[in-house]
Amino acid sequence: MTTIETLDTERLRLVAPNEACLDAYLQFYTDGSASKMYGGPIEPAKVLARLKADLGCWALYGFGVWAVQEKETGHYIGTCGFWRGYNWPTELTWWLLPAGRGKGYALEASKAAIKYAYDVLKFTHVQTYMNDDNTVARALVERLGGVKTDRQCFPDGLYRDIFTIEK
């Protein structure tokens, strides 16, 4: 099993996904409006499978998402890191509970994940993509310096812009 390093930022701690963050996963994925860009809402048994898949990504690929925890409160508020689905390209991804949005947390966590990808994982590039109507994610990627480098059809039949984020 790959050791999953903890990343600390000014306000956040990015830790290995674990059973303690299951409640945050349940809050997010069973809330249809919060998780609509991630296929939600989904039933609790599938939420647990999603948490297991996030942890398993680390074992299979040596990278994955971290659970995002507020340092001040200790609450788990989302995830951020890297994901690769079957026949999908590796992407920087994140989700936050509604209470964690609008505070710059996604930007802060993403910067830490990107730095780790280049410095530790030795990624040659960091990419992300989102559905065309996900304007919030697109705005964050632009704030991270992401540049549209491609557009392609994905296994689900949807076309998406691919953004590359430099070190």
Protein backbone atom coordinates (compact mmCIF):
# COMPACT_ATOMS: atom_id res chain seq x y z
CA MET A 1 0.00 0.00 0.00
CA THR A 2 1.22 3.46 -0.89
CA THR A 3 1.85 5.76 2.04
CA ILE A 4 -0.42 8.77 1.65
CA GLU A 5 1.32 11.88 2.88
CA THR A 6 -0.63 14.53 4.74
CA LEU A 7 -0.47 17.97 3.15
CA ASP A 8 -0.88 21.06 5.29
CA THR A 9 -1.91 24.46 4.02
CA GLU A 10 -2.65 27.61 5.97
CA ARG A 11 -6.22 26.57 6.84
CA LEU A 12 -6.51 22.97 5.65
CA ARG A 13 -5.13 19.50 6.20
CA LEU A 14 -5.31 17.07 3.27
CA VAL A 15 -5.29 13.53 4.66
CA ALA A 16 -5.77 9.97 3.43
CA PRO A 17 -9.44 9.14 2.86
CA ASN A 18 -10.67 7.21 5.88
CA GLU A 19 -13.80 6.04 7.63
CA ALA A 20 -13.92 9.24 9.70
CA CYS A 21 -14.72 11.25 6.58
CA LEU A 22 -17.62 8.98 5.54
CA ASP A 23 -20.16 11.40 7.02
CA ALA A 24 -18.89 14.20 4.75
CA TYR A 25 -19.10 11.84 1.75
CA LEU A 26 -22.68 10.93 2.73
CA GLN A 27 -23.66 14.58 3.16
CA PHE A 28 -22.25 15.45 -0.25
CA TYR A 29 -23.28 12.51 -2.41
CA THR A 30 -26.81 12.08 -1.04
CA ASP A 31 -27.54 15.79 -1.60
CA GLY A 32 -28.65 16.05 -5.22
CA SER A 33 -27.92 19.75 -5.58
CA ALA A 34 -24.47 19.51 -3.96
CA SER A 35 -23.37 16.48 -5.99
CA LYS A 36 -25.12 17.01 -9.33
CA MET A 37 -21.82 17.47 -11.19
CA TYR A 38 -20.61 14.15 -9.70
CA GLY A 39 -23.54 11.93 -10.63
CA GLY A 40 -25.49 12.51 -7.44
CA PRO A 41 -27.54 11.96 -5.59
CA ILE A 42 -26.46 8.40 -4.92
CA GLU A 43 -27.56 5.92 -2.28
CA PRO A 44 -25.48 5.46 0.90
CA ALA A 45 -24.09 2.02 -0.05
CA LYS A 46 -22.71 3.53 -3.27
CA VAL A 47 -21.30 6.46 -1.30
CA LEU A 48 -19.26 4.02 0.78
CA ALA A 49 -18.10 2.38 -2.46
CA ARG A 50 -17.03 5.84 -3.71
CA LEU A 51 -14.94 6.38 -0.55
CA LYS A 52 -13.37 2.93 -0.99
CA ALA A 53 -12.61 3.72 -4.66
CA ASP A 54 -10.94 6.99 -3.64
CA LEU A 55 -8.70 5.13 -1.22
CA GLY A 56 -8.11 2.32 -3.71
CA CYS A 57 -6.89 4.77 -6.35
CA TRP A 58 -3.86 5.38 -4.15
CA ALA A 59 -3.10 1.64 -4.02
CA LEU A 60 -3.54 1.13 -7.77
CA TYR A 61 -1.89 4.24 -9.16
CA GLY A 62 0.16 5.81 -6.36
CA PHE A 63 -2.04 8.92 -6.39
CA GLY A 64 -5.60 9.81 -5.49
CA VAL A 65 -7.68 12.33 -3.65
CA TRP A 66 -7.12 13.51 -0.12
CA ALA A 67 -9.91 14.15 2.35
CA VAL A 68 -9.94 17.89 3.06
CA GLN A 69 -10.18 18.83 6.71
CA GLU A 70 -10.53 22.31 8.20
CA LYS A 71 -7.70 22.78 10.67
CA GLU A 72 -9.71 25.10 12.89
CA THR A 73 -12.68 22.77 13.39
CA GLY A 74 -11.33 19.35 12.43
CA HIS A 75 -14.37 18.86 10.19
CA TYR A 76 -14.05 17.03 6.89
CA ILE A 77 -15.40 19.31 4.17
CA GLY A 78 -14.59 17.54 0.89
CA THR A 79 -11.85 16.02 -1.22
CA CYS A 80 -9.12 17.24 -3.55
CA GLY A 81 -6.50 15.43 -5.56
CA PHE A 82 -6.22 13.18 -8.58
CA TRP A 83 -8.58 10.66 -10.07
CA ARG A 84 -8.50 8.29 -13.01
CA GLY A 85 -11.56 6.35 -14.08
CA TYR A 86 -11.61 3.48 -16.52
CA ASN A 87 -10.55 4.86 -19.93
CA TRP A 88 -10.55 8.41 -18.55
CA PRO A 89 -7.47 10.64 -18.35
CA THR A 90 -6.00 11.48 -14.96
CA GLU A 91 -7.46 14.71 -13.63
CA LEU A 92 -7.19 17.15 -10.79
CA THR A 93 -10.56 16.98 -9.06
CA TRP A 94 -12.25 18.30 -5.95
CA TRP A 95 -15.60 18.61 -4.25
CA LEU A 96 -16.63 20.58 -1.18
CA LEU A 97 -19.68 20.49 1.02
CA PRO A 98 -21.84 23.59 0.51
CA ALA A 99 -20.73 24.99 3.91
CA GLY A 100 -17.10 24.93 2.72
CA ARG A 101 -17.71 26.78 -0.54
CA GLY A 102 -16.93 30.42 -1.21
CA LYS A 103 -14.01 30.51 1.24
CA GLY A 104 -11.14 29.82 -1.16
CA TYR A 105 -10.70 26.28 0.17
CA ALA A 106 -10.85 24.61 -3.25
CA LEU A 107 -8.16 26.96 -4.53
CA GLU A 108 -5.97 26.42 -1.46
CA ALA A 109 -6.31 22.63 -1.56
CA SER A 110 -5.80 22.47 -5.34
CA LYS A 111 -2.57 24.48 -5.15
CA ALA A 112 -1.21 22.04 -2.56
CA ALA A 113 -2.24 19.03 -4.67
CA ILE A 114 -0.71 20.51 -7.83
CA LYS A 115 2.58 21.24 -6.07
CA TYR A 116 2.65 17.67 -4.73
CA ALA A 117 1.92 16.25 -8.18
CA TYR A 118 4.85 18.05 -9.76
CA ASP A 119 7.34 17.92 -6.88
CA VAL A 120 6.70 14.46 -5.38
CA LEU A 121 4.75 12.42 -7.90
CA LYS A 122 6.82 13.87 -10.76
CA PHE A 123 3.79 14.40 -13.01
CA THR A 124 4.87 15.87 -16.35
CA HIS A 125 1.58 17.77 -16.51
CA VAL A 126 -1.54 18.34 -14.44
CA GLN A 127 -4.84 18.39 -16.29
CA THR A 128 -8.46 18.77 -15.38
CA TYR A 129 -11.77 18.83 -17.20
CA MET A 130 -15.38 19.41 -16.35
CA ASN A 131 -18.82 19.43 -17.94
CA ASP A 132 -19.38 22.52 -20.07
CA ASP A 133 -22.06 23.86 -17.73
CA ASN A 134 -19.84 23.66 -14.64
CA THR A 135 -18.92 27.35 -14.68
CA VAL A 136 -17.80 27.32 -11.04
CA ALA A 137 -15.15 24.65 -11.72
CA ARG A 138 -14.07 26.42 -14.90
CA ALA A 139 -13.58 29.68 -12.97
CA LEU A 140 -11.45 27.89 -10.36
CA VAL A 141 -9.29 26.28 -13.04
CA GLU A 142 -8.73 29.69 -14.62
CA ARG A 143 -7.72 31.08 -11.19
CA LEU A 144 -5.21 28.22 -10.97
CA GLY A 145 -3.74 29.35 -14.29
CA GLY A 146 -5.29 26.52 -16.29
CA VAL A 147 -5.11 26.86 -20.06
CA LYS A 148 -7.44 25.04 -22.44
CA THR A 149 -5.22 22.62 -24.36
CA ASP A 150 -7.70 20.18 -25.89
CA ARG A 151 -11.32 19.19 -26.27
CA GLN A 152 -12.26 15.55 -26.53
CA CYS A 153 -15.12 13.10 -26.30
CA PHE A 154 -15.14 11.11 -23.06
CA PRO A 155 -16.36 7.55 -22.43
CA ASP A 156 -19.75 8.89 -21.30
CA GLY A 157 -20.27 10.46 -24.75
CA LEU A 158 -19.84 14.07 -23.57
CA TYR A 159 -17.28 16.47 -24.99
CA ARG A 160 -15.21 18.38 -22.45
CA ASP A 161 -12.47 20.99 -22.57
CA ILE A 162 -9.19 19.80 -21.08
CA PHE A 163 -7.15 22.35 -19.15
CA THR A 164 -3.46 22.06 -18.35
CA ILE A 165 -2.15 23.69 -15.18
CA GLU A 166 1.57 24.45 -15.16
CA LYS A 167 3.78 24.18 -12.09
